[in-house]
Amino acid sequence: MIELNHGAFHYSFRHHLIGAVPDVEALQRLLEVARAFGVPDENVTVLFGEAGERWLDMDGERHGVVGRFVRLTQGMTDEHAELRRYCEYLATSYFVVAIQVPRTSLPFDDLVGAFRTVGARDVQYFGPWVIEQER
C-alpha cells in the first residue's frame, strides 16, 4: 500500500518519472497501471498538500546541513525550479507522483502514457544530468 507523503526524502529525483495528478480517481488509475507493469510500491512516492510541500523541503531546512547544501546548489540548476513548480501544484490540491524507473526500462513509455491518460501535468523525467519533458 502506498502512503501519502511517506518514504525516504529525496535530495534529487534522479531516475524518476514525475507528474502532477489532478484528483484521487486519476491517482488510483495511475497507481493501478504502475502496479500492472510491476513497479513495486516502494518505487512510488505520492505527495499531497502542505505535508507534501514539507516533505519536498525546498530550502533543505528539515534535512540538516546536507539538505540545505543540496537545495542551495540545486538553486543554480533547473532542478530547483522544477521542484518549486511541483510545490505549486501541491498548494492547489494536485497529487505529485514520482515513480522510480529507468528511462530505458520496458514500461517507461507505457507509464508516460498512463500519466497522460489520467490528465497529469508537467510529466517529466529527472535523468542523471538532465530533466526531460515527456510528451
Protein backbone atom coordinates (compact mmCIF):
# COMPACT_ATOMS: atom_id res chain seq x y z
CA MET A 1 0.00 0.00 0.00
CA ILE A 2 1.30 3.43 -0.91
CA GLU A 3 1.02 6.09 1.76
CA LEU A 4 0.91 9.83 1.14
CA ASN A 5 3.97 11.91 1.98
CA HIS A 6 5.84 8.84 3.12
CA GLY A 7 9.13 7.25 2.34
CA ALA A 8 12.71 8.37 2.21
CA PHE A 9 13.39 12.02 1.47
CA HIS A 10 14.95 12.52 -1.96
CA TYR A 11 17.59 15.18 -2.31
CA SER A 12 17.16 14.60 -6.02
CA PHE A 13 14.56 12.71 -8.03
CA ARG A 14 17.22 11.28 -10.32
CA HIS A 15 15.80 8.38 -12.38
CA HIS A 16 12.20 9.32 -11.54
CA LEU A 17 9.24 9.97 -13.81
CA ILE A 18 7.20 12.72 -12.15
CA GLY A 19 3.87 14.40 -12.81
CA ALA A 20 1.10 16.37 -11.13
CA VAL A 21 -2.11 14.32 -10.96
CA PRO A 22 -5.42 16.22 -10.66
CA ASP A 23 -7.56 14.06 -8.37
CA VAL A 24 -7.87 10.87 -6.36
CA GLU A 25 -9.57 8.90 -9.15
CA ALA A 26 -6.75 9.75 -11.57
CA LEU A 27 -4.21 8.83 -8.89
CA GLN A 28 -5.83 5.43 -8.37
CA ARG A 29 -5.85 4.71 -12.11
CA LEU A 30 -2.18 5.70 -12.44
CA LEU A 31 -1.15 3.52 -9.49
CA GLU A 32 -3.08 0.56 -10.93
CA VAL A 33 -1.16 0.89 -14.21
CA ALA A 34 2.18 1.16 -12.37
CA ARG A 35 1.40 -2.00 -10.40
CA ALA A 36 0.27 -3.81 -13.57
CA PHE A 37 3.68 -3.09 -15.07
CA GLY A 38 5.40 -4.50 -12.00
CA VAL A 39 6.52 -1.25 -10.37
CA PRO A 40 6.96 -2.03 -6.67
CA ASP A 41 5.14 0.24 -4.22
CA GLU A 42 8.47 1.26 -2.68
CA ASN A 43 9.44 2.83 -6.04
CA VAL A 44 6.43 5.16 -5.94
CA THR A 45 6.26 8.39 -3.95
CA VAL A 46 2.94 10.24 -3.69
CA LEU A 47 2.88 13.72 -2.21
CA PHE A 48 -0.16 15.82 -1.34
CA GLY A 49 -0.96 19.14 0.31
CA GLU A 50 1.07 21.04 2.87
CA ALA A 51 2.59 17.83 4.19
CA GLY A 52 3.85 17.08 0.67
CA GLU A 53 5.37 20.55 0.47
CA ARG A 54 7.12 19.99 3.80
CA TRP A 55 8.35 16.61 2.55
CA LEU A 56 9.90 18.27 -0.54
CA ASP A 57 11.63 20.71 1.86
CA MET A 58 12.53 23.27 -0.79
CA ASP A 59 15.08 25.09 1.38
CA GLY A 60 16.50 21.89 2.92
CA GLU A 61 16.00 23.16 6.49
CA ARG A 62 14.28 19.98 7.68
CA HIS A 63 17.16 17.80 6.48
CA GLY A 64 20.14 19.44 8.11
CA VAL A 65 23.31 20.87 6.67
CA VAL A 66 23.46 18.41 3.78
CA GLY A 67 19.83 19.13 2.85
CA ARG A 68 20.45 22.88 2.87
CA PHE A 69 23.61 22.48 0.80
CA VAL A 70 21.91 20.26 -1.78
CA ARG A 71 18.97 22.66 -2.17
CA LEU A 72 21.37 25.61 -2.38
CA THR A 73 23.35 24.00 -5.21
CA GLN A 74 20.12 22.94 -6.94
CA GLY A 75 19.19 26.63 -6.91
CA MET A 76 21.80 27.08 -9.62
CA THR A 77 20.13 24.48 -11.85
CA ASP A 78 16.77 23.80 -13.48
CA GLU A 79 16.04 21.10 -10.92
CA HIS A 80 15.20 23.58 -8.18
CA ALA A 81 12.77 25.48 -10.42
CA GLU A 82 11.08 22.24 -11.45
CA LEU A 83 10.70 21.08 -7.85
CA ARG A 84 9.26 24.51 -6.98
CA ARG A 85 6.68 24.03 -9.72
CA TYR A 86 5.60 20.74 -8.13
CA CYS A 87 5.24 22.57 -4.80
CA GLU A 88 2.86 24.96 -6.55
CA TYR A 89 0.79 22.00 -7.72
CA LEU A 90 0.70 20.64 -4.17
CA ALA A 91 -0.60 24.01 -2.97
CA THR A 92 -3.51 23.70 -5.43
CA SER A 93 -4.60 20.19 -4.33
CA TYR A 94 -2.84 18.16 -7.00
CA PHE A 95 -1.05 14.95 -6.13
CA VAL A 96 2.60 14.82 -7.16
CA VAL A 97 3.59 11.29 -8.15
CA ALA A 98 7.21 10.22 -8.61
CA ILE A 99 7.93 6.75 -9.98
CA GLN A 100 11.49 5.50 -9.83
CA VAL A 101 12.04 3.83 -13.19
CA PRO A 102 15.00 3.77 -15.58
CA ARG A 103 14.37 5.64 -18.84
CA THR A 104 15.45 2.55 -20.76
CA SER A 105 13.09 0.14 -18.98
CA LEU A 106 10.29 -1.58 -20.87
CA PRO A 107 7.37 0.03 -19.03
CA PHE A 108 8.74 3.59 -19.32
CA ASP A 109 6.74 4.68 -22.38
CA ASP A 110 3.61 2.98 -21.04
CA LEU A 111 3.99 4.82 -17.72
CA VAL A 112 4.38 8.14 -19.57
CA GLY A 113 1.19 7.27 -21.45
CA ALA A 114 -0.59 6.46 -18.20
CA PHE A 115 0.36 9.83 -16.74
CA ARG A 116 -1.04 11.49 -19.85
CA THR A 117 -4.21 9.38 -19.89
CA VAL A 118 -5.13 10.39 -16.34
CA GLY A 119 -4.64 14.08 -17.13
CA ALA A 120 -1.31 14.59 -15.34
CA ARG A 121 0.50 17.86 -15.90
CA ASP A 122 4.20 18.60 -16.23
CA VAL A 123 5.21 14.99 -16.75
CA GLN A 124 9.00 14.95 -16.68
CA TYR A 125 11.83 12.50 -16.34
CA PHE A 126 14.60 13.51 -13.96
CA GLY A 127 17.60 11.83 -15.55
CA PRO A 128 21.16 11.74 -14.23
CA TRP A 129 22.16 15.05 -15.86
CA VAL A 130 19.03 16.43 -17.47
CA ILE A 131 15.29 16.90 -16.90
CA GLU A 132 13.26 15.85 -19.92
CA GLN A 133 9.70 16.99 -20.58
CA GLU A 134 7.71 13.94 -21.67
CA ARG A 135 5.21 14.36 -24.46
